[in-house]
């Protein structure tokens, strides 16, 4: 279990686009990802795509990795 502020929200908007939701308030189906490489690796293997029921562009994973390295 993590505090919500320690997680990143990924959202699939109603129009089908996928992005990182920094505010946590965007419309659409959301999934929370912890900010560590192991978790992002699991997501990249298909876990996130399964939860959001869509294909996740590689740019999203790259952006997640850049956020955890900050």
PDB file of N, CA and C in Angstrom:
ATOM      1  N   UNK A   1       0.837  -1.172   0.000  1.00  0.00           N
ATOM      2  CA  UNK A   1       0.000   0.000   0.000  1.00  0.00           C
ATOM      3  C   UNK A   1       0.889   1.245   0.000  1.00  0.00           C
ATOM      4  N   UNK A   2       0.502   2.203  -0.809  1.00  0.00           N
ATOM      5  CA  UNK A   2       1.236   3.457  -0.930  1.00  0.00           C
ATOM      6  C   UNK A   2       0.274   4.621  -0.721  1.00  0.00           C
ATOM      7  N   UNK A   3       0.797   5.737  -0.308  1.00  0.00           N
ATOM      8  CA  UNK A   3       0.007   6.960  -0.291  1.00  0.00           C
ATOM      9  C   UNK A   3      -0.233   7.388  -1.739  1.00  0.00           C
ATOM     10  N   UNK A   4      -1.382   7.953  -1.971  1.00  0.00           N
ATOM     11  CA  UNK A   4      -1.744   8.376  -3.324  1.00  0.00           C
ATOM     12  C   UNK A   4      -0.740   9.373  -3.888  1.00  0.00           C
ATOM     13  N   UNK A   5      -0.180  10.223  -3.028  1.00  0.00           N
ATOM     14  CA  UNK A   5       0.778  11.228  -3.487  1.00  0.00           C
ATOM     15  C   UNK A   5       2.103  10.615  -3.927  1.00  0.00           C
ATOM     16  N   UNK A   6       2.355   9.352  -3.540  1.00  0.00           N
ATOM     17  CA  UNK A   6       3.590   8.668  -3.921  1.00  0.00           C
ATOM     18  C   UNK A   6       3.436   7.871  -5.207  1.00  0.00           C
ATOM     19  N   UNK A   7       2.282   7.968  -5.850  1.00  0.00           N
ATOM     20  CA  UNK A   7       1.997   7.211  -7.071  1.00  0.00           C
ATOM     21  C   UNK A   7       1.792   8.152  -8.248  1.00  0.00           C
ATOM     22  N   UNK A   8       2.002   7.625  -9.437  1.00  0.00           N
ATOM     23  CA  UNK A   8       1.721   8.365 -10.673  1.00  0.00           C
ATOM     24  C   UNK A   8       0.460   7.781 -11.292  1.00  0.00           C
ATOM     25  N   UNK A   9      -0.431   8.642 -11.747  1.00  0.00           N
ATOM     26  CA  UNK A   9      -1.668   8.173 -12.370  1.00  0.00           C
ATOM     27  C   UNK A   9      -1.524   8.218 -13.883  1.00  0.00           C
ATOM     28  N   UNK A  10      -1.853   7.087 -14.498  1.00  0.00           N
ATOM     29  CA  UNK A  10      -1.891   6.988 -15.952  1.00  0.00           C
ATOM     30  C   UNK A  10      -3.370   6.918 -16.314  1.00  0.00           C
ATOM     31  N   UNK A  11      -3.785   7.690 -17.290  1.00  0.00           N
ATOM     32  CA  UNK A  11      -5.201   7.755 -17.630  1.00  0.00           C
ATOM     33  C   UNK A  11      -5.420   7.508 -19.116  1.00  0.00           C
ATOM     34  N   UNK A  12      -6.479   6.745 -19.408  1.00  0.00           N
ATOM     35  CA  UNK A  12      -6.955   6.588 -20.789  1.00  0.00           C
ATOM     36  C   UNK A  12      -8.182   7.478 -20.906  1.00  0.00           C
ATOM     37  N   UNK A  13      -8.047   8.537 -21.671  1.00  0.00           N
ATOM     38  CA  UNK A  13      -9.122   9.516 -21.835  1.00  0.00           C
ATOM     39  C   UNK A  13     -10.262   8.911 -22.651  1.00  0.00           C
ATOM     40  N   UNK A  14     -11.435   9.496 -22.571  1.00  0.00           N
ATOM     41  CA  UNK A  14     -12.574   8.993 -23.348  1.00  0.00           C
ATOM     42  C   UNK A  14     -12.316   8.934 -24.856  1.00  0.00           C
ATOM     43  N   UNK A  15     -11.417   9.775 -25.360  1.00  0.00           N
ATOM     44  CA  UNK A  15     -11.104   9.740 -26.795  1.00  0.00           C
ATOM     45  C   UNK A  15     -10.067   8.679 -27.148  1.00  0.00           C
ATOM     46  N   UNK A  16      -9.571   7.922 -26.131  1.00  0.00           N
ATOM     47  CA  UNK A  16      -8.645   6.823 -26.375  1.00  0.00           C
ATOM     48  C   UNK A  16      -7.182   7.159 -26.185  1.00  0.00           C
ATOM     49  N   UNK A  17      -6.855   8.417 -25.955  1.00  0.00           N
ATOM     50  CA  UNK A  17      -5.454   8.778 -25.740  1.00  0.00           C
ATOM     51  C   UNK A  17      -5.018   8.383 -24.327  1.00  0.00           C
ATOM     52  N   UNK A  18      -3.735   8.078 -24.200  1.00  0.00           N
ATOM     53  CA  UNK A  18      -3.174   7.668 -22.922  1.00  0.00           C
ATOM     54  C   UNK A  18      -2.113   8.679 -22.521  1.00  0.00           C
ATOM     55  N   UNK A  19      -2.117   9.058 -21.253  1.00  0.00           N
ATOM     56  CA  UNK A  19      -1.122  10.013 -20.782  1.00  0.00           C
ATOM     57  C   UNK A  19      -0.969   9.957 -19.279  1.00  0.00           C
ATOM     58  N   UNK A  20       0.038  10.662 -18.793  1.00  0.00           N
ATOM     59  CA  UNK A  20       0.276  10.752 -17.362  1.00  0.00           C
ATOM     60  C   UNK A  20      -0.548  11.908 -16.823  1.00  0.00           C
ATOM     61  N   UNK A  21      -1.288  11.650 -15.773  1.00  0.00           N
ATOM     62  CA  UNK A  21      -2.161  12.643 -15.162  1.00  0.00           C
ATOM     63  C   UNK A  21      -1.491  13.181 -13.909  1.00  0.00           C
ATOM     64  N   UNK A  22      -0.854  14.322 -14.017  1.00  0.00           N
ATOM     65  CA  UNK A  22      -0.166  14.915 -12.883  1.00  0.00           C
ATOM     66  C   UNK A  22      -1.100  15.477 -11.828  1.00  0.00           C
ATOM     67  N   UNK A  23      -2.323  15.819 -12.226  1.00  0.00           N
ATOM     68  CA  UNK A  23      -3.274  16.402 -11.286  1.00  0.00           C
ATOM     69  C   UNK A  23      -4.129  15.362 -10.591  1.00  0.00           C
ATOM     70  N   UNK A  24      -4.302  14.201 -11.216  1.00  0.00           N
ATOM     71  CA  UNK A  24      -5.163  13.163 -10.663  1.00  0.00           C
ATOM     72  C   UNK A  24      -6.635  13.438 -10.877  1.00  0.00           C
ATOM     73  N   UNK A  25      -6.953  14.380 -11.746  1.00  0.00           N
ATOM     74  CA  UNK A  25      -8.345  14.778 -11.937  1.00  0.00           C
ATOM     75  C   UNK A  25      -8.837  14.659 -13.372  1.00  0.00           C
ATOM     76  N   UNK A  26      -8.016  14.169 -14.274  1.00  0.00           N
ATOM     77  CA  UNK A  26      -8.450  14.059 -15.663  1.00  0.00           C
ATOM     78  C   UNK A  26      -9.535  12.995 -15.794  1.00  0.00           C
ATOM     79  N   UNK A  27     -10.452  13.232 -16.740  1.00  0.00           N
ATOM     80  CA  UNK A  27     -11.501  12.260 -17.011  1.00  0.00           C
ATOM     81  C   UNK A  27     -10.924  11.034 -17.679  1.00  0.00           C
ATOM     82  N   UNK A  28     -11.495   9.890 -17.388  1.00  0.00           N
ATOM     83  CA  UNK A  28     -11.103   8.661 -18.044  1.00  0.00           C
ATOM     84  C   UNK A  28     -10.762   7.581 -17.040  1.00  0.00           C
ATOM     85  N   UNK A  29     -10.432   6.432 -17.583  1.00  0.00           N
ATOM     86  CA  UNK A  29     -10.057   5.290 -16.762  1.00  0.00           C
ATOM     87  C   UNK A  29      -8.608   5.457 -16.324  1.00  0.00           C
ATOM     88  N   UNK A  30      -8.362   5.354 -15.037  1.00  0.00           N
ATOM     89  CA  UNK A  30      -7.023   5.588 -14.519  1.00  0.00           C
ATOM     90  C   UNK A  30      -6.433   4.382 -13.829  1.00  0.00           C
ATOM     91  N   UNK A  31      -5.123   4.347 -13.781  1.00  0.00           N
ATOM     92  CA  UNK A  31      -4.377   3.324 -13.054  1.00  0.00           C
ATOM     93  C   UNK A  31      -3.213   4.025 -12.370  1.00  0.00           C
ATOM     94  N   UNK A  32      -2.923   3.596 -11.161  1.00  0.00           N
ATOM     95  CA  UNK A  32      -1.828   4.190 -10.389  1.00  0.00           C
ATOM     96  C   UNK A  32      -0.607   3.291 -10.449  1.00  0.00           C
ATOM     97  N   UNK A  33       0.558   3.917 -10.629  1.00  0.00           N
ATOM     98  CA  UNK A  33       1.820   3.204 -10.751  1.00  0.00           C
ATOM     99  C   UNK A  33       2.780   3.738  -9.699  1.00  0.00           C
ATOM    100  N   UNK A  34       3.422   2.827  -8.968  1.00  0.00           N
ATOM    101  CA  UNK A  34       4.414   3.270  -7.991  1.00  0.00           C
ATOM    102  C   UNK A  34       5.663   3.745  -8.726  1.00  0.00           C
ATOM    103  N   UNK A  35       6.426   4.585  -8.079  1.00  0.00           N
ATOM    104  CA  UNK A  35       7.559   5.229  -8.745  1.00  0.00           C
ATOM    105  C   UNK A  35       8.860   4.474  -8.493  1.00  0.00           C
ATOM    106  N   UNK A  36       8.945   3.246  -9.032  1.00  0.00           N
ATOM    107  CA  UNK A  36      10.209   2.528  -9.013  1.00  0.00           C
ATOM    108  C   UNK A  36      10.343   1.711 -10.287  1.00  0.00           C
ATOM    109  N   UNK A  37      11.554   1.384 -10.636  1.00  0.00           N
ATOM    110  CA  UNK A  37      11.845   0.719 -11.906  1.00  0.00           C
ATOM    111  C   UNK A  37      11.188  -0.655 -11.996  1.00  0.00           C
ATOM    112  N   UNK A  38      11.148  -1.377 -10.906  1.00  0.00           N
ATOM    113  CA  UNK A  38      10.557  -2.722 -10.906  1.00  0.00           C
ATOM    114  C   UNK A  38       9.074  -2.658 -11.275  1.00  0.00           C
ATOM    115  N   UNK A  39       8.381  -1.707 -10.701  1.00  0.00           N
ATOM    116  CA  UNK A  39       6.954  -1.536 -10.970  1.00  0.00           C
ATOM    117  C   UNK A  39       6.714  -1.132 -12.430  1.00  0.00           C
ATOM    118  N   UNK A  40       7.509  -0.217 -12.930  1.00  0.00           N
ATOM    119  CA  UNK A  40       7.361   0.216 -14.316  1.00  0.00           C
ATOM    120  C   UNK A  40       7.684  -0.928 -15.270  1.00  0.00           C
ATOM    121  N   UNK A  41       8.647  -1.763 -14.903  1.00  0.00           N
ATOM    122  CA  UNK A  41       8.968  -2.939 -15.713  1.00  0.00           C
ATOM    123  C   UNK A  41       7.790  -3.887 -15.830  1.00  0.00           C
ATOM    124  N   UNK A  42       7.075  -4.113 -14.728  1.00  0.00           N
ATOM    125  CA  UNK A  42       5.886  -4.968 -14.762  1.00  0.00           C
ATOM    126  C   UNK A  42       4.809  -4.356 -15.646  1.00  0.00           C
ATOM    127  N   UNK A  43       4.662  -3.051 -15.554  1.00  0.00           N
ATOM    128  CA  UNK A  43       3.665  -2.359 -16.379  1.00  0.00           C
ATOM    129  C   UNK A  43       3.998  -2.498 -17.856  1.00  0.00           C
ATOM    130  N   UNK A  44       5.264  -2.383 -18.184  1.00  0.00           N
ATOM    131  CA  UNK A  44       5.706  -2.458 -19.576  1.00  0.00           C
ATOM    132  C   UNK A  44       5.507  -3.849 -20.163  1.00  0.00           C
ATOM    133  N   UNK A  45       5.435  -4.863 -19.309  1.00  0.00           N
ATOM    134  CA  UNK A  45       5.229  -6.232 -19.788  1.00  0.00           C
ATOM    135  C   UNK A  45       3.762  -6.521 -20.088  1.00  0.00           C
ATOM    136  N   UNK A  46       2.899  -5.538 -19.943  1.00  0.00           N
ATOM    137  CA  UNK A  46       1.503  -5.706 -20.329  1.00  0.00           C
ATOM    138  C   UNK A  46       0.493  -5.489 -19.221  1.00  0.00           C
ATOM    139  N   UNK A  47       0.957  -5.330 -17.996  1.00  0.00           N
ATOM    140  CA  UNK A  47       0.031  -5.162 -16.881  1.00  0.00           C
ATOM    141  C   UNK A  47      -0.793  -3.884 -17.006  1.00  0.00           C
ATOM    142  N   UNK A  48      -0.149  -2.787 -17.358  1.00  0.00           N
ATOM    143  CA  UNK A  48      -0.853  -1.511 -17.494  1.00  0.00           C
ATOM    144  C   UNK A  48      -1.831  -1.558 -18.664  1.00  0.00           C
ATOM    145  N   UNK A  49      -1.430  -2.142 -19.770  1.00  0.00           N
ATOM    146  CA  UNK A  49      -2.312  -2.253 -20.935  1.00  0.00           C
ATOM    147  C   UNK A  49      -3.549  -3.079 -20.590  1.00  0.00           C
ATOM    148  N   UNK A  50      -3.367  -4.097 -19.787  1.00  0.00           N
ATOM    149  CA  UNK A  50      -4.496  -4.936 -19.367  1.00  0.00           C
ATOM    150  C   UNK A  50      -5.469  -4.135 -18.506  1.00  0.00           C
ATOM    151  N   UNK A  51      -4.953  -3.368 -17.560  1.00  0.00           N
ATOM    152  CA  UNK A  51      -5.817  -2.588 -16.675  1.00  0.00           C
ATOM    153  C   UNK A  51      -6.542  -1.464 -17.395  1.00  0.00           C
ATOM    154  N   UNK A  52      -5.878  -0.829 -18.341  1.00  0.00           N
ATOM    155  CA  UNK A  52      -6.508   0.274 -19.066  1.00  0.00           C
ATOM    156  C   UNK A  52      -7.235  -0.198 -20.324  1.00  0.00           C
ATOM    157  N   UNK A  53      -7.076  -1.472 -20.667  1.00  0.00           N
ATOM    158  CA  UNK A  53      -7.747  -2.077 -21.813  1.00  0.00           C
ATOM    159  C   UNK A  53      -7.441  -1.344 -23.117  1.00  0.00           C
ATOM    160  N   UNK A  54      -6.141  -1.049 -23.323  1.00  0.00           N
ATOM    161  CA  UNK A  54      -5.697  -0.406 -24.554  1.00  0.00           C
ATOM    162  C   UNK A  54      -4.184  -0.585 -24.689  1.00  0.00           C
ATOM    163  N   UNK A  55      -3.677  -0.278 -25.861  1.00  0.00           N
ATOM    164  CA  UNK A  55      -2.236  -0.324 -26.079  1.00  0.00           C
ATOM    165  C   UNK A  55      -1.609   0.924 -25.469  1.00  0.00           C
ATOM    166  N   UNK A  56      -0.472   0.740 -24.793  1.00  0.00           N
ATOM    167  CA  UNK A  56       0.224   1.857 -24.158  1.00  0.00           C
ATOM    168  C   UNK A  56       1.460   2.177 -24.998  1.00  0.00           C
ATOM    169  N   UNK A  57       1.598   3.412 -25.491  1.00  0.00           N
ATOM    170  CA  UNK A  57       2.772   3.783 -26.280  1.00  0.00           C
ATOM    171  C   UNK A  57       4.054   3.718 -25.433  1.00  0.00           C
ATOM    172  N   UNK A  58       5.155   3.367 -26.052  1.00  0.00           N
ATOM    173  CA  UNK A  58       6.442   3.287 -25.354  1.00  0.00           C
ATOM    174  C   UNK A  58       6.845   4.630 -24.747  1.00  0.00           C
ATOM    175  N   UNK A  59       6.374   5.719 -25.332  1.00  0.00           N
ATOM    176  CA  UNK A  59       6.709   7.041 -24.812  1.00  0.00           C
ATOM    177  C   UNK A  59       6.210   7.216 -23.369  1.00  0.00           C
ATOM    178  N   UNK A  60       5.111   6.577 -23.036  1.00  0.00           N
ATOM    179  CA  UNK A  60       4.572   6.672 -21.671  1.00  0.00           C
ATOM    180  C   UNK A  60       5.550   6.034 -20.689  1.00  0.00           C
ATOM    181  N   UNK A  61       6.083   4.869 -21.039  1.00  0.00           N
ATOM    182  CA  UNK A  61       7.047   4.195 -20.158  1.00  0.00           C
ATOM    183  C   UNK A  61       8.336   4.997 -20.038  1.00  0.00           C
ATOM    184  N   UNK A  62       8.769   5.592 -21.144  1.00  0.00           N
ATOM    185  CA  UNK A  62       9.968   6.433 -21.104  1.00  0.00           C
ATOM    186  C   UNK A  62       9.748   7.648 -20.207  1.00  0.00           C
ATOM    187  N   UNK A  63       8.552   8.234 -20.299  1.00  0.00           N
ATOM    188  CA  UNK A  63       8.235   9.396 -19.462  1.00  0.00           C
ATOM    189  C   UNK A  63       8.164   8.998 -17.983  1.00  0.00           C
ATOM    190  N   UNK A  64       7.606   7.816 -17.700  1.00  0.00           N
ATOM    191  CA  UNK A  64       7.572   7.326 -16.316  1.00  0.00           C
ATOM    192  C   UNK A  64       8.976   7.144 -15.771  1.00  0.00           C
ATOM    193  N   UNK A  65       9.854   6.549 -16.566  1.00  0.00           N
ATOM    194  CA  UNK A  65      11.237   6.322 -16.123  1.00  0.00           C
ATOM    195  C   UNK A  65      11.961   7.653 -15.887  1.00  0.00           C
ATOM    196  N   UNK A  66      11.679   8.639 -16.731  1.00  0.00           N
ATOM    197  CA  UNK A  66      12.336   9.940 -16.537  1.00  0.00           C
ATOM    198  C   UNK A  66      11.816  10.619 -15.277  1.00  0.00           C
ATOM    199  N   UNK A  67      10.550  10.422 -14.934  1.00  0.00           N
ATOM    200  CA  UNK A  67      10.001  11.025 -13.714  1.00  0.00           C
ATOM    201  C   UNK A  67      10.597  10.402 -12.454  1.00  0.00           C
ATOM    202  N   UNK A  68      10.895   9.105 -12.477  1.00  0.00           N
ATOM    203  CA  UNK A  68      11.444   8.486 -11.266  1.00  0.00           C
ATOM    204  C   UNK A  68      12.924   8.821 -11.103  1.00  0.00           C
ATOM    205  N   UNK A  69      13.586   9.205 -12.201  1.00  0.00           N
ATOM    206  CA  UNK A  69      15.005   9.541 -12.087  1.00  0.00           C
ATOM    207  C   UNK A  69      15.225  10.987 -11.658  1.00  0.00           C
ATOM    208  N   UNK A  70      14.161  11.789 -11.591  1.00  0.00           N
ATOM    209  CA  UNK A  70      14.278  13.200 -11.196  1.00  0.00           C
ATOM    210  C   UNK A  70      14.579  13.334  -9.722  1.00  0.00           C
TER     211      UNK A  70
END
